PDB file of N, CA and C in Angstrom:
ATOM      1  N   MET A   1     165.989 -20.862 279.271  1.00  0.00           N
ATOM      2  CA  MET A   1     165.761 -18.913 279.383  1.00  0.00           C
ATOM      3  C   MET A   1     166.332 -18.803 280.169  1.00  0.00           C
ATOM      4  N   HIS A   2     167.316 -17.845 280.345  1.00  0.00           N
ATOM      5  CA  HIS A   2     168.216 -17.613 281.206  1.00  0.00           C
ATOM      6  C   HIS A   2     167.350 -17.266 282.605  1.00  0.00           C
ATOM      7  N   PRO A   3     167.638 -17.879 283.978  1.00  0.00           N
ATOM      8  CA  PRO A   3     166.962 -16.762 285.304  1.00  0.00           C
ATOM      9  C   PRO A   3     166.504 -15.227 284.881  1.00  0.00           C
ATOM     10  N   GLU A   4     167.864 -14.514 284.414  1.00  0.00           N
ATOM     11  CA  GLU A   4     168.426 -13.070 284.326  1.00  0.00           C
ATOM     12  C   GLU A   4     168.243 -12.520 283.662  1.00  0.00           C
ATOM     13  N   LYS A   5     167.589 -12.986 281.744  1.00  0.00           N
ATOM     14  CA  LYS A   5     167.327 -12.595 281.588  1.00  0.00           C
ATOM     15  C   LYS A   5     164.943 -12.863 281.787  1.00  0.00           C
ATOM     16  N   PHE A   6     165.140 -13.898 282.159  1.00  0.00           N
ATOM     17  CA  PHE A   6     163.439 -13.873 282.844  1.00  0.00           C
ATOM     18  C   PHE A   6     163.040 -12.775 283.484  1.00  0.00           C
ATOM     19  N   LYS A   7     163.931 -12.355 284.783  1.00  0.00           N
ATOM     20  CA  LYS A   7     163.385 -11.597 285.540  1.00  0.00           C
ATOM     21  C   LYS A   7     163.548 -10.307 284.892  1.00  0.00           C
ATOM     22  N   GLN A   8     164.649  -9.844 283.801  1.00  0.00           N
ATOM     23  CA  GLN A   8     164.288  -8.365 283.272  1.00  0.00           C
ATOM     24  C   GLN A   8     163.551  -7.547 282.548  1.00  0.00           C
ATOM     25  N   VAL A   9     162.863  -9.146 281.410  1.00  0.00           N
ATOM     26  CA  VAL A   9     161.872  -8.841 280.393  1.00  0.00           C
ATOM     27  C   VAL A   9     160.671  -9.002 281.488  1.00  0.00           C
ATOM     28  N   ALA A  10     160.133  -9.733 282.736  1.00  0.00           N
ATOM     29  CA  ALA A  10     159.469  -9.595 283.608  1.00  0.00           C
ATOM     30  C   ALA A  10     158.993  -8.431 284.650  1.00  0.00           C
ATOM     31  N   ARG A  11     159.848  -7.779 284.341  1.00  0.00           N
ATOM     32  CA  ARG A  11     159.939  -6.228 285.275  1.00  0.00           C
ATOM     33  C   ARG A  11     159.780  -5.336 284.337  1.00  0.00           C
ATOM     34  N   LEU A  12     160.079  -5.632 283.256  1.00  0.00           N
ATOM     35  CA  LEU A  12     159.621  -4.544 281.872  1.00  0.00           C
ATOM     36  C   LEU A  12     158.209  -3.586 282.526  1.00  0.00           C
ATOM     37  N   PRO A  13     157.621  -2.711 282.326  1.00  0.00           N
ATOM     38  CA  PRO A  13     156.520  -1.715 282.301  1.00  0.00           C
ATOM     39  C   PRO A  13     155.434  -2.739 281.232  1.00  0.00           C
ATOM     40  N   PRO A  14     154.203  -2.759 281.733  1.00  0.00           N
ATOM     41  CA  PRO A  14     153.459  -3.410 280.486  1.00  0.00           C
ATOM     42  C   PRO A  14     153.358  -2.351 279.080  1.00  0.00           C
ATOM     43  N   ALA A  15     153.821  -1.155 278.069  1.00  0.00           N
ATOM     44  CA  ALA A  15     154.335  -0.844 277.545  1.00  0.00           C
ATOM     45  C   ALA A  15     155.144  -1.884 276.935  1.00  0.00           C
ATOM     46  N   GLU A  16     155.751  -1.909 277.580  1.00  0.00           N
ATOM     47  CA  GLU A  16     157.610  -2.557 276.826  1.00  0.00           C
ATOM     48  C   GLU A  16     157.331  -4.143 276.951  1.00  0.00           C
ATOM     49  N   ARG A  17     156.657  -4.828 277.399  1.00  0.00           N
ATOM     50  CA  ARG A  17     156.733  -6.237 277.655  1.00  0.00           C
ATOM     51  C   ARG A  17     155.357  -6.666 276.137  1.00  0.00           C
ATOM     52  N   HIS A  18     154.957  -5.388 275.853  1.00  0.00           N
ATOM     53  CA  HIS A  18     154.215  -5.909 274.790  1.00  0.00           C
ATOM     54  C   HIS A  18     155.047  -5.768 273.062  1.00  0.00           C
ATOM     55  N   ALA A  19     155.224  -4.452 273.545  1.00  0.00           N
ATOM     56  CA  ALA A  19     157.017  -4.453 272.096  1.00  0.00           C
ATOM     57  C   ALA A  19     157.489  -5.504 271.516  1.00  0.00           C
ATOM     58  N   TYR A  20     158.274  -6.240 273.061  1.00  0.00           N
ATOM     59  CA  TYR A  20     158.519  -7.304 273.482  1.00  0.00           C
ATOM     60  C   TYR A  20     157.885  -8.514 273.201  1.00  0.00           C
ATOM     61  N   PHE A  21     156.457  -8.432 273.155  1.00  0.00           N
ATOM     62  CA  PHE A  21     155.968  -9.266 273.363  1.00  0.00           C
ATOM     63  C   PHE A  21     155.819  -9.270 271.042  1.00  0.00           C
ATOM     64  N   VAL A  22     155.392  -8.837 270.715  1.00  0.00           N
ATOM     65  CA  VAL A  22     155.176  -8.366 269.197  1.00  0.00           C
ATOM     66  C   VAL A  22     156.724  -8.403 268.529  1.00  0.00           C
ATOM     67  N   ARG A  23     157.845  -8.268 268.968  1.00  0.00           N
ATOM     68  CA  ARG A  23     159.807  -8.299 267.948  1.00  0.00           C
ATOM     69  C   ARG A  23     159.127 -10.129 268.736  1.00  0.00           C
ATOM     70  N   LYS A  24     159.355 -10.501 269.121  1.00  0.00           N
ATOM     71  CA  LYS A  24     159.019 -11.760 270.159  1.00  0.00           C
ATOM     72  C   LYS A  24     158.391 -12.773 268.850  1.00  0.00           C
ATOM     73  N   VAL A  25     157.776 -12.543 269.213  1.00  0.00           N
ATOM     74  CA  VAL A  25     156.163 -13.574 268.147  1.00  0.00           C
ATOM     75  C   VAL A  25     156.449 -13.291 266.491  1.00  0.00           C
ATOM     76  N   ALA A  26     157.185 -12.465 266.450  1.00  0.00           N
ATOM     77  CA  ALA A  26     157.120 -11.878 264.820  1.00  0.00           C
ATOM     78  C   ALA A  26     158.392 -12.921 264.782  1.00  0.00           C
ATOM     79  N   ASP A  27     159.511 -12.694 265.105  1.00  0.00           N
ATOM     80  CA  ASP A  27     160.254 -13.864 265.014  1.00  0.00           C
ATOM     81  C   ASP A  27     159.980 -14.716 265.458  1.00  0.00           C
ATOM     82  N   THR A  28     159.791 -15.540 265.987  1.00  0.00           N
ATOM     83  CA  THR A  28     159.790 -17.070 266.575  1.00  0.00           C
ATOM     84  C   THR A  28     158.465 -17.887 265.796  1.00  0.00           C
ATOM     85  N   GLN A  29     157.716 -16.879 265.651  1.00  0.00           N
ATOM     86  CA  GLN A  29     156.557 -17.435 264.644  1.00  0.00           C
ATOM     87  C   GLN A  29     155.710 -17.823 265.227  1.00  0.00           C
ATOM     88  N   GLU A  30     155.892 -18.196 266.813  1.00  0.00           N
ATOM     89  CA  GLU A  30     155.039 -18.799 267.263  1.00  0.00           C
ATOM     90  C   GLU A  30     154.135 -17.352 268.486  1.00  0.00           C
ATOM     91  N   VAL A  31     153.175 -18.094 269.348  1.00  0.00           N
ATOM     92  CA  VAL A  31     152.236 -17.159 270.798  1.00  0.00           C
ATOM     93  C   VAL A  31     152.236 -18.297 271.396  1.00  0.00           C
ATOM     94  N   TRP A  32     152.123 -18.158 272.563  1.00  0.00           N
ATOM     95  CA  TRP A  32     152.339 -19.354 273.297  1.00  0.00           C
ATOM     96  C   TRP A  32     150.654 -18.483 274.508  1.00  0.00           C
ATOM     97  N   GLY A  33     149.522 -19.545 275.156  1.00  0.00           N
ATOM     98  CA  GLY A  33     148.649 -19.493 275.435  1.00  0.00           C
ATOM     99  C   GLY A  33     148.633 -20.601 276.780  1.00  0.00           C
ATOM    100  N   LEU A  34     147.614 -21.104 277.186  1.00  0.00           N
ATOM    101  CA  LEU A  34     147.981 -21.470 278.397  1.00  0.00           C
ATOM    102  C   LEU A  34     146.533 -22.198 278.336  1.00  0.00           C
ATOM    103  N   GLN A  35     146.260 -23.886 278.555  1.00  0.00           N
ATOM    104  CA  GLN A  35     145.361 -24.686 277.713  1.00  0.00           C
ATOM    105  C   GLN A  35     145.358 -26.305 278.801  1.00  0.00           C
ATOM    106  N   HIS A  36     143.766 -25.816 279.295  1.00  0.00           N
ATOM    107  CA  HIS A  36     144.026 -27.120 280.361  1.00  0.00           C
ATOM    108  C   HIS A  36     142.546 -27.290 279.810  1.00  0.00           C
ATOM    109  N   ASP A  37     141.888 -28.234 279.664  1.00  0.00           N
ATOM    110  CA  ASP A  37     140.517 -28.336 279.236  1.00  0.00           C
ATOM    111  C   ASP A  37     139.249 -26.888 278.665  1.00  0.00           C
ATOM    112  N   GLY A  38     140.353 -26.544 277.456  1.00  0.00           N
ATOM    113  CA  GLY A  38     140.369 -25.050 277.023  1.00  0.00           C
ATOM    114  C   GLY A  38     141.345 -24.773 277.292  1.00  0.00           C
ATOM    115  N   TRP A  39     141.506 -23.194 276.930  1.00  0.00           N
ATOM    116  CA  TRP A  39     142.382 -22.082 277.166  1.00  0.00           C
ATOM    117  C   TRP A  39     141.835 -21.585 278.243  1.00  0.00           C
ATOM    118  N   ALA A  40     143.374 -20.766 278.743  1.00  0.00           N
ATOM    119  CA  ALA A  40     143.003 -19.904 279.919  1.00  0.00           C
ATOM    120  C   ALA A  40     142.665 -18.702 279.542  1.00  0.00           C
ATOM    121  N   THR A  41     141.245 -18.340 280.367  1.00  0.00           N
ATOM    122  CA  THR A  41     140.699 -16.617 279.988  1.00  0.00           C
ATOM    123  C   THR A  41     140.477 -16.196 281.634  1.00  0.00           C
ATOM    124  N   ALA A  42     140.297 -14.802 281.300  1.00  0.00           N
ATOM    125  CA  ALA A  42     139.932 -13.347 282.968  1.00  0.00           C
ATOM    126  C   ALA A  42     138.895 -13.087 282.745  1.00  0.00           C
ATOM    127  N   GLN A  43     138.354 -12.146 282.838  1.00  0.00           N
ATOM    128  CA  GLN A  43     138.018 -11.253 282.595  1.00  0.00           C
ATOM    129  C   GLN A  43     138.499  -9.550 283.714  1.00  0.00           C
ATOM    130  N   ALA A  44     138.082  -8.954 281.809  1.00  0.00           N
ATOM    131  CA  ALA A  44     138.195  -7.231 282.532  1.00  0.00           C
ATOM    132  C   ALA A  44     137.436  -6.430 281.578  1.00  0.00           C
ATOM    133  N   GLY A  45     136.231  -5.667 282.724  1.00  0.00           N
ATOM    134  CA  GLY A  45     135.600  -4.546 282.024  1.00  0.00           C
ATOM    135  C   GLY A  45     134.514  -5.424 281.813  1.00  0.00           C
ATOM    136  N   GLY A  46     133.606  -7.022 281.830  1.00  0.00           N
ATOM    137  CA  GLY A  46     132.705  -7.498 281.626  1.00  0.00           C
ATOM    138  C   GLY A  46     132.493  -8.481 280.364  1.00  0.00           C
ATOM    139  N   LYS A  47     134.152  -8.760 279.901  1.00  0.00           N
ATOM    140  CA  LYS A  47     134.302  -9.376 278.673  1.00  0.00           C
ATOM    141  C   LYS A  47     135.792  -9.799 278.880  1.00  0.00           C
ATOM    142  N   VAL A  48     135.212 -11.072 278.405  1.00  0.00           N
ATOM    143  CA  VAL A  48     136.701 -11.829 277.745  1.00  0.00           C
ATOM    144  C   VAL A  48     137.964 -12.025 277.964  1.00  0.00           C
ATOM    145  N   VAL A  49     138.947 -11.825 278.454  1.00  0.00           N
ATOM    146  CA  VAL A  49     140.262 -11.284 278.111  1.00  0.00           C
ATOM    147  C   VAL A  49     141.295 -13.292 278.339  1.00  0.00           C
ATOM    148  N   ILE A  50     140.957 -13.260 276.935  1.00  0.00           N
ATOM    149  CA  ILE A  50     141.870 -14.533 276.626  1.00  0.00           C
ATOM    150  C   ILE A  50     143.809 -13.740 276.739  1.00  0.00           C
ATOM    151  N   PRO A  51     144.311 -14.901 278.114  1.00  0.00           N
ATOM    152  CA  PRO A  51     145.788 -14.211 277.721  1.00  0.00           C
ATOM    153  C   PRO A  51     147.099 -14.886 276.736  1.00  0.00           C
ATOM    154  N   PHE A  52     148.294 -14.070 276.092  1.00  0.00           N
ATOM    155  CA  PHE A  52     148.633 -14.436 275.735  1.00  0.00           C
ATOM    156  C   PHE A  52     150.301 -14.021 276.177  1.00  0.00           C
ATOM    157  N   TRP A  53     151.561 -15.041 275.279  1.00  0.00           N
ATOM    158  CA  TRP A  53     152.577 -14.639 276.205  1.00  0.00           C
ATOM    159  C   TRP A  53     153.786 -15.665 274.955  1.00  0.00           C
ATOM    160  N   PRO A  54     154.898 -14.223 274.927  1.00  0.00           N
ATOM    161  CA  PRO A  54     155.438 -14.917 273.452  1.00  0.00           C
ATOM    162  C   PRO A  54     156.613 -15.738 274.286  1.00  0.00           C
ATOM    163  N   GLU A  55     156.725 -16.441 275.519  1.00  0.00           N
ATOM    164  CA  GLU A  55     157.287 -17.426 275.419  1.00  0.00           C
ATOM    165  C   GLU A  55     156.768 -18.484 276.179  1.00  0.00           C
ATOM    166  N   ALA A  56     157.225 -20.000 276.437  1.00  0.00           N
ATOM    167  CA  ALA A  56     156.223 -20.708 277.597  1.00  0.00           C
ATOM    168  C   ALA A  56     157.346 -20.670 278.702  1.00  0.00           C
ATOM    169  N   ALA A  57     157.848 -20.142 279.139  1.00  0.00           N
ATOM    170  CA  ALA A  57     158.249 -19.938 279.850  1.00  0.00           C
ATOM    171  C   ALA A  57     157.464 -18.901 280.546  1.00  0.00           C
ATOM    172  N   PHE A  58     157.394 -17.378 280.108  1.00  0.00           N
ATOM    173  CA  PHE A  58     156.278 -16.778 281.144  1.00  0.00           C
ATOM    174  C   PHE A  58     155.044 -17.405 280.770  1.00  0.00           C
ATOM    175  N   ALA A  59     154.394 -18.524 279.981  1.00  0.00           N
ATOM    176  CA  ALA A  59     152.876 -18.351 280.539  1.00  0.00           C
ATOM    177  C   ALA A  59     152.878 -19.689 281.705  1.00  0.00           C
ATOM    178  N   GLN A  60     154.422 -20.177 281.557  1.00  0.00           N
ATOM    179  CA  GLN A  60     154.731 -21.183 282.564  1.00  0.00           C
ATOM    180  C   GLN A  60     154.603 -20.449 284.596  1.00  0.00           C
ATOM    181  N   ALA A  61     155.625 -19.321 284.202  1.00  0.00           N
ATOM    182  CA  ALA A  61     154.693 -18.961 285.218  1.00  0.00           C
ATOM    183  C   ALA A  61     153.803 -17.964 286.222  1.00  0.00           C
ATOM    184  N   CYS A  62     152.665 -17.976 284.750  1.00  0.00           N
ATOM    185  CA  CYS A  62     151.554 -17.479 285.089  1.00  0.00           C
ATOM    186  C   CYS A  62     150.637 -18.602 285.151  1.00  0.00           C
ATOM    187  N   ALA A  63     150.928 -19.758 285.333  1.00  0.00           N
ATOM    188  CA  ALA A  63     150.384 -21.145 285.391  1.00  0.00           C
ATOM    189  C   ALA A  63     149.821 -21.244 286.833  1.00  0.00           C
ATOM    190  N   SER A  64     149.265 -20.312 287.506  1.00  0.00           N
ATOM    191  CA  SER A  64     148.897 -20.446 289.075  1.00  0.00           C
ATOM    192  C   SER A  64     147.123 -20.261 289.021  1.00  0.00           C
ATOM    193  N   GLY A  65     147.476 -20.232 290.718  1.00  0.00           N
ATOM    194  CA  GLY A  65     146.005 -19.629 290.668  1.00  0.00           C
ATOM    195  C   GLY A  65     144.270 -20.914 290.122  1.00  0.00           C
ATOM    196  N   GLU A  66     143.795 -19.790 289.452  1.00  0.00           N
ATOM    197  CA  GLU A  66     142.939 -20.643 288.943  1.00  0.00           C
ATOM    198  C   GLU A  66     143.570 -21.453 287.721  1.00  0.00           C
ATOM    199  N   TRP A  67     144.809 -20.749 287.299  1.00  0.00           N
ATOM    200  CA  TRP A  67     144.474 -21.967 286.112  1.00  0.00           C
ATOM    201  C   TRP A  67     146.032 -22.573 286.570  1.00  0.00           C
ATOM    202  N   GLU A  68     146.374 -23.345 288.376  1.00  0.00           N
ATOM    203  CA  GLU A  68     147.211 -24.054 287.954  1.00  0.00           C
ATOM    204  C   GLU A  68     147.791 -25.502 287.602  1.00  0.00           C
ATOM    205  N   HIS A  69     146.478 -25.817 286.815  1.00  0.00           N
ATOM    206  CA  HIS A  69     146.687 -27.171 286.029  1.00  0.00           C
ATOM    207  C   HIS A  69     146.566 -27.064 284.908  1.00  0.00           C
ATOM    208  N   PHE A  70     147.069 -25.779 284.192  1.00  0.00           N
ATOM    209  CA  PHE A  70     146.781 -25.426 282.689  1.00  0.00           C
ATOM    210  C   PHE A  70     148.451 -25.573 282.506  1.00  0.00           C
ATOM    211  N   GLN A  71     148.986 -26.068 281.096  1.00  0.00           N
ATOM    212  CA  GLN A  71     150.304 -25.305 280.364  1.00  0.00           C
ATOM    213  C   GLN A  71     150.638 -24.964 279.255  1.00  0.00           C
ATOM    214  N   PRO A  72     151.668 -24.333 279.226  1.00  0.00           N
ATOM    215  CA  PRO A  72     152.349 -23.510 277.748  1.00  0.00           C
ATOM    216  C   PRO A  72     151.491 -24.589 276.544  1.00  0.00           C
ATOM    217  N   ARG A  73     150.708 -23.527 276.038  1.00  0.00           N
ATOM    218  CA  ARG A  73     150.739 -24.503 274.894  1.00  0.00           C
ATOM    219  C   ARG A  73     151.133 -23.663 273.438  1.00  0.00           C
ATOM    220  N   ALA A  74     152.074 -23.758 272.059  1.00  0.00           N
ATOM    221  CA  ALA A  74     151.474 -23.071 271.547  1.00  0.00           C
ATOM    222  C   ALA A  74     151.078 -22.996 270.557  1.00  0.00           C
ATOM    223  N   ILE A  75     150.655 -21.789 269.157  1.00  0.00           N
ATOM    224  CA  ILE A  75     150.339 -21.454 268.729  1.00  0.00           C
ATOM    225  C   ILE A  75     151.051 -20.887 267.637  1.00  0.00           C
ATOM    226  N   ALA A  76     150.222 -21.563 266.075  1.00  0.00           N
ATOM    227  CA  ALA A  76     151.440 -20.395 265.303  1.00  0.00           C
ATOM    228  C   ALA A  76     151.020 -19.429 264.935  1.00  0.00           C
ATOM    229  N   LEU A  77     152.170 -18.545 264.140  1.00  0.00           N
ATOM    230  CA  LEU A  77     151.467 -17.319 263.889  1.00  0.00           C
ATOM    231  C   LEU A  77     150.640 -17.096 263.144  1.00  0.00           C
ATOM    232  N   GLY A  78     150.253 -17.641 262.419  1.00  0.00           N
ATOM    233  CA  GLY A  78     149.674 -17.744 260.993  1.00  0.00           C
ATOM    234  C   GLY A  78     148.148 -18.323 261.785  1.00  0.00           C
ATOM    235  N   ASP A  79     148.231 -19.388 262.225  1.00  0.00           N
ATOM    236  CA  ASP A  79     146.838 -19.639 262.864  1.00  0.00           C
ATOM    237  C   ASP A  79     146.218 -18.312 263.947  1.00  0.00           C
ATOM    238  N   PHE A  80     147.036 -17.596 264.642  1.00  0.00           N
ATOM    239  CA  PHE A  80     146.878 -16.589 265.241  1.00  0.00           C
ATOM    240  C   PHE A  80     146.269 -15.737 264.302  1.00  0.00           C
ATOM    241  N   LEU A  81     147.186 -14.851 263.710  1.00  0.00           N
ATOM    242  CA  LEU A  81     146.878 -13.873 262.966  1.00  0.00           C
ATOM    243  C   LEU A  81     145.871 -14.302 261.915  1.00  0.00           C
ATOM    244  N   ALA A  82     145.556 -15.614 260.994  1.00  0.00           N
ATOM    245  CA  ALA A  82     144.038 -15.531 260.607  1.00  0.00           C
ATOM    246  C   ALA A  82     143.383 -16.347 261.147  1.00  0.00           C
ATOM    247  N   LYS A  83     143.087 -16.904 262.260  1.00  0.00           N
ATOM    248  CA  LYS A  83     141.607 -17.146 263.073  1.00  0.00           C
ATOM    249  C   LYS A  83     141.740 -16.970 264.656  1.00  0.00           C
ATOM    250  N   TRP A  84     142.697 -16.553 265.425  1.00  0.00           N
ATOM    251  CA  TRP A  84     141.966 -16.771 266.891  1.00  0.00           C
ATOM    252  C   TRP A  84     142.087 -14.660 266.832  1.00  0.00           C
ATOM    253  N   LEU A  85     142.675 -14.378 266.435  1.00  0.00           N
ATOM    254  CA  LEU A  85     142.585 -13.048 266.322  1.00  0.00           C
ATOM    255  C   LEU A  85     141.322 -11.996 265.497  1.00  0.00           C
ATOM    256  N   PRO A  86     141.044 -12.668 264.096  1.00  0.00           N
ATOM    257  CA  PRO A  86     139.506 -12.343 263.750  1.00  0.00           C
ATOM    258  C   PRO A  86     138.226 -12.668 264.647  1.00  0.00           C
ATOM    259  N   GLY A  87     138.589 -14.292 265.124  1.00  0.00           N
ATOM    260  CA  GLY A  87     137.392 -14.396 265.895  1.00  0.00           C
ATOM    261  C   GLY A  87     137.051 -13.820 266.887  1.00  0.00           C
ATOM    262  N   MET A  88     138.132 -13.892 267.970  1.00  0.00           N
ATOM    263  CA  MET A  88     138.250 -13.694 269.204  1.00  0.00           C
ATOM    264  C   MET A  88     137.596 -11.182 268.976  1.00  0.00           C
ATOM    265  N   ALA A  89     137.414 -10.567 268.279  1.00  0.00           N
ATOM    266  CA  ALA A  89     136.735  -9.874 267.703  1.00  0.00           C
ATOM    267  C   ALA A  89     135.660  -9.838 266.874  1.00  0.00           C
ATOM    268  N   SER A  90     135.094 -10.557 266.665  1.00  0.00           N
ATOM    269  CA  SER A  90     134.016 -11.305 266.340  1.00  0.00           C
ATOM    270  C   SER A  90     133.224 -11.552 267.163  1.00  0.00           C
ATOM    271  N   ASN A  91     133.921 -11.931 268.787  1.00  0.00           N
ATOM    272  CA  ASN A  91     133.262 -12.391 269.720  1.00  0.00           C
ATOM    273  C   ASN A  91     133.615 -10.822 271.239  1.00  0.00           C
ATOM    274  N   ASP A  92     133.484 -10.798 270.890  1.00  0.00           N
ATOM    275  CA  ASP A  92     134.539  -8.965 271.503  1.00  0.00           C
ATOM    276  C   ASP A  92     134.909  -9.420 272.800  1.00  0.00           C
ATOM    277  N   GLU A  93     135.773 -10.207 272.077  1.00  0.00           N
ATOM    278  CA  GLU A  93     136.655  -9.903 273.386  1.00  0.00           C
ATOM    279  C   GLU A  93     138.205  -9.810 273.231  1.00  0.00           C
ATOM    280  N   LEU A  94     139.205  -9.611 273.809  1.00  0.00           N
ATOM    281  CA  LEU A  94     140.307  -8.807 274.713  1.00  0.00           C
ATOM    282  C   LEU A  94     141.228  -9.798 274.368  1.00  0.00           C
ATOM    283  N   ALA A  95     142.435  -9.158 273.754  1.00  0.00           N
ATOM    284  CA  ALA A  95     144.153 -10.247 274.343  1.00  0.00           C
ATOM    285  C   ALA A  95     144.926  -9.270 275.540  1.00  0.00           C
ATOM    286  N   SER A  96     145.060 -10.296 276.038  1.00  0.00           N
ATOM    287  CA  SER A  96     145.961 -10.342 277.161  1.00  0.00           C
ATOM    288  C   SER A  96     147.334 -10.206 276.882  1.00  0.00           C
ATOM    289  N   VAL A  97     147.566  -8.994 276.439  1.00  0.00           N
ATOM    290  CA  VAL A  97     149.551  -9.263 276.298  1.00  0.00           C
ATOM    291  C   VAL A  97     150.431  -9.371 277.531  1.00  0.00           C
ATOM    292  N   PHE A  98     151.131 -10.543 277.533  1.00  0.00           N
ATOM    293  CA  PHE A  98     152.141 -11.232 278.348  1.00  0.00           C
ATOM    294  C   PHE A  98     152.099 -10.427 280.343  1.00  0.00           C
ATOM    295  N   SER A  99     150.658 -11.130 280.394  1.00  0.00           N
ATOM    296  CA  SER A  99     150.739 -10.576 282.001  1.00  0.00           C
ATOM    297  C   SER A  99     151.897 -11.741 282.470  1.00  0.00           C
ATOM    298  N   VAL A 100     152.178 -10.981 283.669  1.00  0.00           N
ATOM    299  CA  VAL A 100     153.332 -11.524 284.364  1.00  0.00           C
ATOM    300  C   VAL A 100     152.557 -11.928 285.860  1.00  0.00           C
ATOM    301  N   PRO A 101     152.900 -12.837 287.247  1.00  0.00           N
ATOM    302  CA  PRO A 101     152.881 -13.108 287.672  1.00  0.00           C
ATOM    303  C   PRO A 101     152.966 -11.358 289.032  1.00  0.00           C
ATOM    304  N   GLN A 102     153.759 -10.602 288.745  1.00  0.00           N
ATOM    305  CA  GLN A 102     154.040 -10.042 289.752  1.00  0.00           C
ATOM    306  C   GLN A 102     153.610  -8.476 289.188  1.00  0.00           C
ATOM    307  N   GLY A 103     152.644  -8.411 288.028  1.00  0.00           N
ATOM    308  CA  GLY A 103     152.136  -7.292 287.064  1.00  0.00           C
ATOM    309  C   GLY A 103     151.148  -7.336 286.727  1.00  0.00           C
ATOM    310  N   GLY A 104     150.578  -6.196 285.614  1.00  0.00           N
ATOM    311  CA  GLY A 104     149.391  -6.249 284.599  1.00  0.00           C
ATOM    312  C   GLY A 104     150.010  -6.797 283.642  1.00  0.00           C
ATOM    313  N   ALA A 105     149.008  -6.785 283.163  1.00  0.00           N
ATOM    314  CA  ALA A 105     149.596  -6.663 281.209  1.00  0.00           C
ATOM    315  C   ALA A 105     149.170  -5.480 280.527  1.00  0.00           C
ATOM    316  N   SER A 106     149.111  -5.642 278.862  1.00  0.00           N
ATOM    317  CA  SER A 106     148.711  -4.907 278.196  1.00  0.00           C
ATOM    318  C   SER A 106     147.088  -5.376 277.748  1.00  0.00           C
ATOM    319  N   ILE A 107     146.018  -4.978 278.124  1.00  0.00           N
ATOM    320  CA  ILE A 107     145.339  -5.023 277.632  1.00  0.00           C
ATOM    321  C   ILE A 107     144.427  -4.584 276.142  1.00  0.00           C
ATOM    322  N   VAL A 108     144.600  -5.310 275.185  1.00  0.00           N
ATOM    323  CA  VAL A 108     144.406  -4.627 274.019  1.00  0.00           C
ATOM    324  C   VAL A 108     142.786  -5.606 273.256  1.00  0.00           C
ATOM    325  N   ALA A 109     142.802  -4.891 271.712  1.00  0.00           N
ATOM    326  CA  ALA A 109     141.618  -5.469 270.893  1.00  0.00           C
ATOM    327  C   ALA A 109     142.304  -6.039 270.369  1.00  0.00           C
ATOM    328  N   PRO A 110     141.603  -6.951 269.610  1.00  0.00           N
ATOM    329  CA  PRO A 110     142.474  -7.783 268.643  1.00  0.00           C
ATOM    330  C   PRO A 110     143.013  -7.257 267.410  1.00  0.00           C
ATOM    331  N   ALA A 111     142.095  -6.650 266.883  1.00  0.00           N
ATOM    332  CA  ALA A 111     142.785  -5.781 265.677  1.00  0.00           C
ATOM    333  C   ALA A 111     143.800  -4.778 265.990  1.00  0.00           C
ATOM    334  N   ASP A 112     143.299  -4.254 266.809  1.00  0.00           N
ATOM    335  CA  ASP A 112     144.795  -3.586 267.313  1.00  0.00           C
ATOM    336  C   ASP A 112     146.279  -4.287 267.139  1.00  0.00           C
ATOM    337  N   LEU A 113     146.199  -5.622 267.951  1.00  0.00           N
ATOM    338  CA  LEU A 113     147.269  -6.606 267.957  1.00  0.00           C
ATOM    339  C   LEU A 113     147.929  -6.898 267.137  1.00  0.00           C
ATOM    340  N   LEU A 114     146.217  -7.485 266.011  1.00  0.00           N
ATOM    341  CA  LEU A 114     146.793  -7.901 264.885  1.00  0.00           C
ATOM    342  C   LEU A 114     147.102  -6.837 263.393  1.00  0.00           C
ATOM    343  N   ARG A 115     147.401  -5.338 264.078  1.00  0.00           N
ATOM    344  CA  ARG A 115     147.680  -4.647 263.126  1.00  0.00           C
ATOM    345  C   ARG A 115     149.060  -4.874 263.716  1.00  0.00           C
ATOM    346  N   ASP A 116     149.616  -4.570 265.326  1.00  0.00           N
ATOM    347  CA  ASP A 116     150.924  -4.479 265.628  1.00  0.00           C
ATOM    348  C   ASP A 116     151.957  -6.210 264.835  1.00  0.00           C
ATOM    349  N   LEU A 117     151.334  -6.928 264.647  1.00  0.00           N
ATOM    350  CA  LEU A 117     152.131  -8.282 264.389  1.00  0.00           C
ATOM    351  C   LEU A 117     152.231  -8.245 263.456  1.00  0.00           C
ATOM    352  N   GLN A 118     151.472  -7.406 262.226  1.00  0.00           N
ATOM    353  CA  GLN A 118     151.643  -7.780 260.977  1.00  0.00           C
ATOM    354  C   GLN A 118     152.672  -7.037 260.556  1.00  0.00           C
ATOM    355  N   HIS A 119     152.743  -5.078 261.119  1.00  0.00           N
ATOM    356  CA  HIS A 119     153.477  -4.598 260.778  1.00  0.00           C
ATOM    357  C   HIS A 119     154.748  -4.428 261.332  1.00  0.00           C
ATOM    358  N   GLU A 120     154.679  -5.482 262.725  1.00  0.00           N
ATOM    359  CA  GLU A 120     156.275  -5.529 262.837  1.00  0.00           C
ATOM    360  C   GLU A 120     156.425  -6.775 261.471  1.00  0.00           C
ATOM    361  N   SER A 121     156.096  -7.929 261.444  1.00  0.00           N
ATOM    362  CA  SER A 121     155.896  -9.526 260.455  1.00  0.00           C
ATOM    363  C   SER A 121     156.327  -8.389 259.148  1.00  0.00           C
ATOM    364  N   GLU A 122     156.039  -7.345 258.695  1.00  0.00           N
ATOM    365  CA  GLU A 122     156.679  -6.908 257.309  1.00  0.00           C
ATOM    366  C   GLU A 122     158.281  -7.064 257.192  1.00  0.00           C
ATOM    367  N   GLN A 123     158.025  -6.589 258.377  1.00  0.00           N
ATOM    368  CA  GLN A 123     159.991  -5.435 258.867  1.00  0.00           C
ATOM    369  C   GLN A 123     161.080  -7.380 258.490  1.00  0.00           C
ATOM    370  N   TYR A 124     160.338  -8.597 258.721  1.00  0.00           N
ATOM    371  CA  TYR A 124     161.208  -9.755 258.551  1.00  0.00           C
ATOM    372  C   TYR A 124     161.266 -10.227 256.747  1.00  0.00           C
ATOM    373  N   GLU A 125     159.814  -9.831 256.008  1.00  0.00           N
ATOM    374  CA  GLU A 125     159.999 -10.071 255.359  1.00  0.00           C
ATOM    375  C   GLU A 125     161.096  -9.652 254.022  1.00  0.00           C
TER     376      GLU A 125
END
């Protein structure tokens, strides 16, 4: 990825990064997480939050601090929609959509992210 594109996208406000995530994931059919002896997680409001990114480079940029040994790993969109998001919903977990090192993320319920991704994916059919 071109460094200038990386900087421009990373500077977007959380809501615009969320929209970018949805479009990019629907296009590439991949979601990215961080993994090392399990998937990266965080806490927000007493709930487990699992972070996801639209591209490996953005996930890698967040692999620091408590996640310094984590590596980007792709998740097929079909698995994400059919297994991950329903499983997260049943575990009362949240999704952190496209966090960046210097800013926050969009924290959403799995059902809301599922709806956004399904709606966007319909545009590609």
